[in-house]
Structure formats: C-alpha cells, structure tokens
Amino acid sequence: MTTEKTSGKIFPQATLILAALNFAVFALVFAGQSAEVLHTWGLVPGRFLTDIKSAEPLIVATAWITPITSLFLHELDWQHVVYNMVAFLLFAPAVEKRLGTWRFVGLYLTTGLAANAFFVSMVSDGRFESIGASAAVCGVLGAYMLLFFKTRWLKALVPLSILCLTIRGVLETDPAVIRVTGFTHWMHLAGFAIGAIV
C-alpha cells in the first residue's frame, strides 16, 4: 500500500502512530500507578551524567535510552498527556504532509532529544526526572510556524500556542522541582526554537 492519497499528499501516519504510542504508554503506566517507572525511564540529569560513566554496560545502555523513553512518558494524570496530544494532533498532520513521514519523525525525535540535551547541560545536577512530549510538540509547532507563516491568524495562533504550553509548564510543575532545577519549563521554548531551526 502507498502512504499517499490520490491528491498526492502524504497521509499523516507517523502523527497518528506517535500519538497512539504516547497514549498507550500513559495507559500502561497509569494502570500500574507506578511513579517509579517515571523516575526510572524519565531523564534525570544528575543520574544520567553519572550512569553514562559507569563500568556496567547495562547501566550505560539504560542511561542512553532514557532521553528517548522520557519523550513518551507523562505524569499520572490525564491532563498532561491529553494537553500535549491535542496540540500535537492539531499541528503535526500539516507538518508531516509537508515534510514527509520519515523527515517528520526525524524532526520530532531531534527536537525532543535536543531539548533534553539542553536540559541536562543547564541542570547537570538535577535529581528530578524530565518526562513528557512537550518539547517535541513545541518543536513541531516551531516547524509549523516557518512552514505556514503566511497569514495573520497563523502568526497569532502559533505564538499563542507556545505561550499556553509555557504557562502550563510554569504553573503545573511541582514547586519543589522548580526550586531544585529552576529550568524545566524552559524546555518548551527550547523545543520550539530547535524545531524552527531544524
């Protein structure tokens, strides 16, 4: 089967698969109500930098996987994953159709991983996990802005979406996390900038 419709536009299969994967992972973790899973497979800067220097191959391998697994984990409440995926499903199909499936997947992963690297570099001693698709979603929004920056309503809509995501990050992040890291919510803006650059 081809991934293209008769109109010649690519069906946004990667968008749907990534959204489904985020929901599926959330459902599994939520069913087990395991905060330990979030901490183990989320990206914890201090632990990551220590583990990649370990002499144990399994510890090193797990450490290098967490920047990816953290992109598909969300807090144990529906609001976090739903908010991210609604924003993602609104903008991602148009970006995927313009870029093509594999380039779009590359954009999603690159922005998410780059934002994680940015986080680790700025909070190298952080002991709280970074989880969620927010940075990757903002990367998609950054790409959307440059690809479809043609009309006034789009010029207003995209920055407004970024602002909403950032406000959410500021207001809903655990105050204890902000005191220790002081940086978590800025990953939204980092993802947006990286997505635009990519």
C-alpha atoms as a PDB file:
ATOM      1  CA  MET A   1       0.000   0.000   0.000  1.00  0.00           C
ATOM      2  CA  THR A   2       1.123   3.540  -0.632  1.00  0.00           C
ATOM      3  CA  THR A   3       1.112   6.204   2.060  1.00  0.00           C
ATOM      4  CA  GLU A   4      -0.118   8.828  -0.362  1.00  0.00           C
ATOM      5  CA  LYS A   5      -3.682   9.774  -1.228  1.00  0.00           C
ATOM      6  CA  THR A   6      -4.897  10.491  -4.727  1.00  0.00           C
ATOM      7  CA  SER A   7      -4.329  14.191  -4.016  1.00  0.00           C
ATOM      8  CA  GLY A   8      -0.620  13.421  -3.721  1.00  0.00           C
ATOM      9  CA  LYS A   9      -0.468  14.447  -0.082  1.00  0.00           C
ATOM     10  CA  ILE A  10       1.012  12.088   2.464  1.00  0.00           C
ATOM     11  CA  PHE A  11      -1.375  10.544   4.985  1.00  0.00           C
ATOM     12  CA  PRO A  12      -0.134  11.579   8.456  1.00  0.00           C
ATOM     13  CA  GLN A  13       0.501   8.035   9.657  1.00  0.00           C
ATOM     14  CA  ALA A  14       3.506   8.960  11.806  1.00  0.00           C
ATOM     15  CA  THR A  15       1.432  11.582  13.619  1.00  0.00           C
ATOM     16  CA  LEU A  16      -1.222   9.016  14.495  1.00  0.00           C
ATOM     17  CA  ILE A  17       1.328   6.364  15.481  1.00  0.00           C
ATOM     18  CA  LEU A  18       3.265   8.750  17.734  1.00  0.00           C
ATOM     19  CA  ALA A  19       0.056   9.986  19.384  1.00  0.00           C
ATOM     20  CA  ALA A  20      -1.179   6.408  19.866  1.00  0.00           C
ATOM     21  CA  LEU A  21       2.183   5.409  21.337  1.00  0.00           C
ATOM     22  CA  ASN A  22       2.068   8.283  23.817  1.00  0.00           C
ATOM     23  CA  PHE A  23      -1.456   7.337  24.906  1.00  0.00           C
ATOM     24  CA  ALA A  24      -0.611   3.616  25.096  1.00  0.00           C
ATOM     25  CA  VAL A  25       2.467   4.180  27.273  1.00  0.00           C
ATOM     26  CA  PHE A  26       0.491   6.527  29.505  1.00  0.00           C
ATOM     27  CA  ALA A  27      -2.334   3.983  29.885  1.00  0.00           C
ATOM     28  CA  LEU A  28       0.092   1.223  30.874  1.00  0.00           C
ATOM     29  CA  VAL A  29       1.909   3.366  33.433  1.00  0.00           C
ATOM     30  CA  PHE A  30      -1.343   4.849  34.735  1.00  0.00           C
ATOM     31  CA  ALA A  31      -2.852   1.379  35.186  1.00  0.00           C
ATOM     32  CA  GLY A  32       0.091   0.415  37.377  1.00  0.00           C
ATOM     33  CA  GLN A  33       0.174   3.808  39.127  1.00  0.00           C
ATOM     34  CA  SER A  34       3.933   3.486  39.199  1.00  0.00           C
ATOM     35  CA  ALA A  35       5.813   6.705  39.844  1.00  0.00           C
ATOM     36  CA  GLU A  36       8.945   4.563  39.967  1.00  0.00           C
ATOM     37  CA  VAL A  37       8.580   3.846  36.241  1.00  0.00           C
ATOM     38  CA  LEU A  38       8.585   7.576  35.553  1.00  0.00           C
ATOM     39  CA  HIS A  39      11.701   8.094  37.609  1.00  0.00           C
ATOM     40  CA  THR A  40      13.497   5.062  36.141  1.00  0.00           C
ATOM     41  CA  TRP A  41      12.765   5.785  32.480  1.00  0.00           C
ATOM     42  CA  GLY A  42      12.498   9.569  32.695  1.00  0.00           C
ATOM     43  CA  LEU A  43      15.585  11.686  32.096  1.00  0.00           C
ATOM     44  CA  VAL A  44      17.239  12.611  35.409  1.00  0.00           C
ATOM     45  CA  PRO A  45      20.234  14.863  34.566  1.00  0.00           C
ATOM     46  CA  GLY A  46      22.400  14.053  37.594  1.00  0.00           C
ATOM     47  CA  ARG A  47      21.796  10.332  37.287  1.00  0.00           C
ATOM     48  CA  PHE A  48      22.254  10.355  33.507  1.00  0.00           C
ATOM     49  CA  LEU A  49      25.672  12.024  33.689  1.00  0.00           C
ATOM     50  CA  THR A  50      26.782   9.592  36.371  1.00  0.00           C
ATOM     51  CA  ASP A  51      25.409   6.439  34.713  1.00  0.00           C
ATOM     52  CA  ILE A  52      26.972   7.029  31.283  1.00  0.00           C
ATOM     53  CA  LYS A  53      30.377   6.837  33.000  1.00  0.00           C
ATOM     54  CA  SER A  54      29.543   3.547  34.711  1.00  0.00           C
ATOM     55  CA  ALA A  55      31.580   0.407  34.162  1.00  0.00           C
ATOM     56  CA  GLU A  56      28.344  -1.597  33.906  1.00  0.00           C
ATOM     57  CA  PRO A  57      27.182  -1.913  30.260  1.00  0.00           C
ATOM     58  CA  LEU A  58      23.527  -2.341  31.268  1.00  0.00           C
ATOM     59  CA  ILE A  59      23.568   0.856  33.323  1.00  0.00           C
ATOM     60  CA  VAL A  60      25.220   2.754  30.473  1.00  0.00           C
ATOM     61  CA  ALA A  61      22.715   1.393  27.921  1.00  0.00           C
ATOM     62  CA  THR A  62      19.746   2.272  30.126  1.00  0.00           C
ATOM     63  CA  ALA A  63      21.101   5.774  30.650  1.00  0.00           C
ATOM     64  CA  TRP A  64      21.386   6.414  26.905  1.00  0.00           C
ATOM     65  CA  ILE A  65      17.833   5.136  26.324  1.00  0.00           C
ATOM     66  CA  THR A  66      16.175   7.466  28.850  1.00  0.00           C
ATOM     67  CA  PRO A  67      16.410  10.606  26.667  1.00  0.00           C
ATOM     68  CA  ILE A  68      14.118   8.770  24.229  1.00  0.00           C
ATOM     69  CA  THR A  69      11.811   6.964  26.668  1.00  0.00           C
ATOM     70  CA  SER A  70      11.256  10.204  28.576  1.00  0.00           C
ATOM     71  CA  LEU A  71       9.601  11.666  25.468  1.00  0.00           C
ATOM     72  CA  PHE A  72       6.779   9.115  25.709  1.00  0.00           C
ATOM     73  CA  LEU A  73       6.143   9.275  29.455  1.00  0.00           C
ATOM     74  CA  HIS A  74       3.659  11.595  31.130  1.00  0.00           C
ATOM     75  CA  GLU A  75       2.582  12.402  34.648  1.00  0.00           C
ATOM     76  CA  LEU A  76      -0.026  10.124  36.245  1.00  0.00           C
ATOM     77  CA  ASP A  77      -2.979  12.317  35.313  1.00  0.00           C
ATOM     78  CA  TRP A  78      -4.827  12.540  32.021  1.00  0.00           C
ATOM     79  CA  GLN A  79      -4.401  16.294  31.693  1.00  0.00           C
ATOM     80  CA  HIS A  80      -0.682  16.111  30.909  1.00  0.00           C
ATOM     81  CA  VAL A  81      -0.890  13.631  28.037  1.00  0.00           C
ATOM     82  CA  VAL A  82      -4.183  14.972  26.650  1.00  0.00           C
ATOM     83  CA  TYR A  83      -2.933  18.557  26.562  1.00  0.00           C
ATOM     84  CA  ASN A  84       0.241  17.541  24.737  1.00  0.00           C
ATOM     85  CA  MET A  85      -1.514  15.282  22.255  1.00  0.00           C
ATOM     86  CA  VAL A  86      -4.283  17.743  21.433  1.00  0.00           C
ATOM     87  CA  ALA A  87      -1.666  20.348  20.498  1.00  0.00           C
ATOM     88  CA  PHE A  88       0.277  17.689  18.603  1.00  0.00           C
ATOM     89  CA  LEU A  89      -2.721  16.445  16.620  1.00  0.00           C
ATOM     90  CA  LEU A  90      -3.736  19.995  15.701  1.00  0.00           C
ATOM     91  CA  PHE A  91      -0.431  20.922  14.064  1.00  0.00           C
ATOM     92  CA  ALA A  92       1.525  17.739  13.318  1.00  0.00           C
ATOM     93  CA  PRO A  93      -0.525  16.414  10.354  1.00  0.00           C
ATOM     94  CA  ALA A  94       0.178  19.527   8.272  1.00  0.00           C
ATOM     95  CA  VAL A  95       3.884  19.387   9.126  1.00  0.00           C
ATOM     96  CA  GLU A  96       4.117  15.681   8.301  1.00  0.00           C
ATOM     97  CA  LYS A  97       2.342  16.196   4.979  1.00  0.00           C
ATOM     98  CA  ARG A  98       4.793  18.925   4.058  1.00  0.00           C
ATOM     99  CA  LEU A  99       7.977  17.152   5.227  1.00  0.00           C
ATOM    100  CA  GLY A 100       7.110  13.531   4.543  1.00  0.00           C
ATOM    101  CA  THR A 101       6.825  10.748   7.099  1.00  0.00           C
ATOM    102  CA  TRP A 102      10.481   9.999   7.852  1.00  0.00           C
ATOM    103  CA  ARG A 103      11.650  13.594   7.905  1.00  0.00           C
ATOM    104  CA  PHE A 104       8.777  14.373  10.243  1.00  0.00           C
ATOM    105  CA  VAL A 105       9.745  11.545  12.607  1.00  0.00           C
ATOM    106  CA  GLY A 106      13.302  12.857  12.480  1.00  0.00           C
ATOM    107  CA  LEU A 107      12.053  16.342  13.379  1.00  0.00           C
ATOM    108  CA  TYR A 108      10.023  15.017  16.322  1.00  0.00           C
ATOM    109  CA  LEU A 109      12.873  12.970  17.774  1.00  0.00           C
ATOM    110  CA  THR A 110      15.575  15.547  17.042  1.00  0.00           C
ATOM    111  CA  THR A 111      13.735  18.372  18.788  1.00  0.00           C
ATOM    112  CA  GLY A 112      12.838  16.200  21.766  1.00  0.00           C
ATOM    113  CA  LEU A 113      16.375  14.858  22.166  1.00  0.00           C
ATOM    114  CA  ALA A 114      17.976  18.261  21.634  1.00  0.00           C
ATOM    115  CA  ALA A 115      15.700  19.826  24.260  1.00  0.00           C
ATOM    116  CA  ASN A 116      16.673  17.018  26.647  1.00  0.00           C
ATOM    117  CA  ALA A 117      20.342  17.679  25.961  1.00  0.00           C
ATOM    118  CA  PHE A 118      19.710  21.367  26.609  1.00  0.00           C
ATOM    119  CA  PHE A 119      18.040  20.471  29.909  1.00  0.00           C
ATOM    120  CA  VAL A 120      20.904  18.218  31.033  1.00  0.00           C
ATOM    121  CA  SER A 121      23.500  20.836  30.129  1.00  0.00           C
ATOM    122  CA  MET A 122      21.718  23.514  32.147  1.00  0.00           C
ATOM    123  CA  VAL A 123      20.721  21.379  35.149  1.00  0.00           C
ATOM    124  CA  SER A 124      23.578  18.896  35.319  1.00  0.00           C
ATOM    125  CA  ASP A 125      22.981  18.079  38.991  1.00  0.00           C
ATOM    126  CA  GLY A 126      19.189  17.798  38.725  1.00  0.00           C
ATOM    127  CA  ARG A 127      17.591  14.874  40.551  1.00  0.00           C
ATOM    128  CA  PHE A 128      14.061  15.192  39.187  1.00  0.00           C
ATOM    129  CA  GLU A 129      13.021  13.428  36.009  1.00  0.00           C
ATOM    130  CA  SER A 130      12.105  15.225  32.810  1.00  0.00           C
ATOM    131  CA  ILE A 131       9.142  13.490  31.169  1.00  0.00           C
ATOM    132  CA  GLY A 132       6.589  14.318  28.506  1.00  0.00           C
ATOM    133  CA  ALA A 133       6.297  15.095  24.828  1.00  0.00           C
ATOM    134  CA  SER A 134       6.035  18.862  25.352  1.00  0.00           C
ATOM    135  CA  ALA A 135       9.448  19.752  23.928  1.00  0.00           C
ATOM    136  CA  ALA A 136       8.918  17.580  20.839  1.00  0.00           C
ATOM    137  CA  VAL A 137       5.422  19.020  20.374  1.00  0.00           C
ATOM    138  CA  CYS A 138       6.830  22.541  20.616  1.00  0.00           C
ATOM    139  CA  GLY A 139       9.422  21.538  18.040  1.00  0.00           C
ATOM    140  CA  VAL A 140       6.613  20.586  15.679  1.00  0.00           C
ATOM    141  CA  LEU A 141       4.948  23.944  16.374  1.00  0.00           C
ATOM    142  CA  GLY A 142       8.204  25.762  15.612  1.00  0.00           C
ATOM    143  CA  ALA A 143       8.445  23.954  12.286  1.00  0.00           C
ATOM    144  CA  TYR A 144       4.775  24.678  11.591  1.00  0.00           C
ATOM    145  CA  MET A 145       5.318  28.391  12.095  1.00  0.00           C
ATOM    146  CA  LEU A 146       8.072  28.533   9.478  1.00  0.00           C
ATOM    147  CA  LEU A 147       6.315  26.235   7.011  1.00  0.00           C
ATOM    148  CA  PHE A 148       2.956  28.023   7.160  1.00  0.00           C
ATOM    149  CA  PHE A 149       3.922  31.547   8.220  1.00  0.00           C
ATOM    150  CA  LYS A 150       1.729  33.166   5.571  1.00  0.00           C
ATOM    151  CA  THR A 151      -1.404  34.581   7.154  1.00  0.00           C
ATOM    152  CA  ARG A 152      -2.036  36.862  10.102  1.00  0.00           C
ATOM    153  CA  TRP A 153      -4.145  34.374  12.038  1.00  0.00           C
ATOM    154  CA  LEU A 154      -1.348  31.789  11.864  1.00  0.00           C
ATOM    155  CA  LYS A 155       1.164  34.380  13.018  1.00  0.00           C
ATOM    156  CA  ALA A 156      -1.010  34.913  16.095  1.00  0.00           C
ATOM    157  CA  LEU A 157      -2.086  31.302  16.665  1.00  0.00           C
ATOM    158  CA  VAL A 158       1.325  29.634  16.824  1.00  0.00           C
ATOM    159  CA  PRO A 159       2.968  32.012  19.345  1.00  0.00           C
ATOM    160  CA  LEU A 160      -0.226  31.835  21.399  1.00  0.00           C
ATOM    161  CA  SER A 161       0.031  28.047  21.469  1.00  0.00           C
ATOM    162  CA  ILE A 162       3.646  28.267  22.610  1.00  0.00           C
ATOM    163  CA  LEU A 163       2.661  30.759  25.308  1.00  0.00           C
ATOM    164  CA  CYS A 164      -0.090  28.421  26.569  1.00  0.00           C
ATOM    165  CA  LEU A 165       2.319  25.477  26.725  1.00  0.00           C
ATOM    166  CA  THR A 166       4.885  27.560  28.590  1.00  0.00           C
ATOM    167  CA  ILE A 167       2.344  28.915  31.082  1.00  0.00           C
ATOM    168  CA  ARG A 168       1.150  25.381  31.709  1.00  0.00           C
ATOM    169  CA  GLY A 169       4.705  24.287  32.402  1.00  0.00           C
ATOM    170  CA  VAL A 170       5.279  27.144  34.819  1.00  0.00           C
ATOM    171  CA  LEU A 171       2.011  26.755  36.718  1.00  0.00           C
ATOM    172  CA  GLU A 172       1.776  22.990  36.935  1.00  0.00           C
ATOM    173  CA  THR A 173       5.359  21.983  37.618  1.00  0.00           C
ATOM    174  CA  ASP A 174       5.920  20.878  41.187  1.00  0.00           C
ATOM    175  CA  PRO A 175       7.301  23.902  43.102  1.00  0.00           C
ATOM    176  CA  ALA A 176       9.947  21.620  44.624  1.00  0.00           C
ATOM    177  CA  VAL A 177      11.162  20.770  41.133  1.00  0.00           C
ATOM    178  CA  ILE A 178      11.397  24.432  40.181  1.00  0.00           C
ATOM    179  CA  ARG A 179      13.383  25.186  43.333  1.00  0.00           C
ATOM    180  CA  VAL A 180      15.874  22.421  42.571  1.00  0.00           C
ATOM    181  CA  THR A 181      16.139  22.751  38.791  1.00  0.00           C
ATOM    182  CA  GLY A 182      14.797  26.218  38.067  1.00  0.00           C
ATOM    183  CA  PHE A 183      14.695  25.273  34.392  1.00  0.00           C
ATOM    184  CA  THR A 184      12.102  22.633  33.489  1.00  0.00           C
ATOM    185  CA  HIS A 185       9.517  24.886  31.849  1.00  0.00           C
ATOM    186  CA  TRP A 186      12.111  26.486  29.549  1.00  0.00           C
ATOM    187  CA  MET A 187      12.347  23.194  27.647  1.00  0.00           C
ATOM    188  CA  HIS A 188       9.120  24.177  25.880  1.00  0.00           C
ATOM    189  CA  LEU A 189      10.778  27.246  24.399  1.00  0.00           C
ATOM    190  CA  ALA A 190      13.940  25.281  23.652  1.00  0.00           C
ATOM    191  CA  GLY A 191      11.932  22.685  21.736  1.00  0.00           C
ATOM    192  CA  PHE A 192      10.152  25.414  19.786  1.00  0.00           C
ATOM    193  CA  ALA A 193      13.409  27.116  18.808  1.00  0.00           C
ATOM    194  CA  ILE A 194      15.102  23.842  17.877  1.00  0.00           C
ATOM    195  CA  GLY A 195      12.109  22.777  15.768  1.00  0.00           C
ATOM    196  CA  ALA A 196      12.205  26.076  13.900  1.00  0.00           C
ATOM    197  CA  ILE A 197      15.954  25.716  13.284  1.00  0.00           C
ATOM    198  CA  VAL A 198      15.661  22.104  12.121  1.00  0.00           C
END
